[in-house]
Amino acid sequence: MRTLREVAAESGNIGNIVTDGETPMLMEDYVWNDILGYALARGLDSASGHIDYNYSDGTVDFDNSANPASDNDSFIVNYQLPHDCYRGAGAMIRPHVHWWQTSAGIPYWKVQYRILGNGDAVTPTWTDMTTANFTVAFPYTSGTISQIIGFEPIDISSCGLSCVIQVKVWRDGQNVLDTFGTGDVQTSFLDAHYPVAYAGSKDEYVQ
């Protein structure tokens, strides 16, 4: 591997820019970027009728009577890891949902995920996230604010190039921890932060 230049970052880490090999650019300390996922309900309406597409606001709305034992009132977002994503030891993505908060109460979310590696067998099993680890980004004051709630990180250290992460989200409106109230929860999209360590990859599955 032939190195063109080594640049010392403010933290003292080194960025290597190379002309050949498998790593066009490698930063020893990665930065974060967004993978965007639009909130699309199944057929824009749920099987149980508790989630709908809001054509006026462009949101997916969950009512408070959604069945907590069923994912019929869910939406699923598919993330394909970008080529510049770091996938080594300790790598993770951090998913979070953007929603509209209208009072001090917050909805109680159920979240699951599964990882689909290209060329691997598709797993039917979804992994539950620990809801106790969810955090709200901004303090509520008044009116309607655009809020973000973060979920626990997903380990992607075993992922290969262009691996797909599926994240399923639904509201458990009947849970005592759901303090949002009787109104619909309007969600705009679900995105995830991922670690950037490369300029891209020299490999691709399809040209």
Foldseek 3Di string as FASTA:
>chain_A
DDFDDWDQDPVRWIKTADDDDWFRIFTPAWDKDKDWWWFAQDVQAFPVGQWHQDPVVRWIWGFLPPAPVDLSQKTKTKTFDAQQFDQAPPWWKKKKWKWKAADQFAFQKWKWKDKAAVPDDDDPDIHTFDSVPKDKDDGDDHGIDTTMIITDIDRRNVHDHRIMMMMMMDTNSVDPSGPRDRGIITTGTMMIMGIGTGPGTPDDDDD
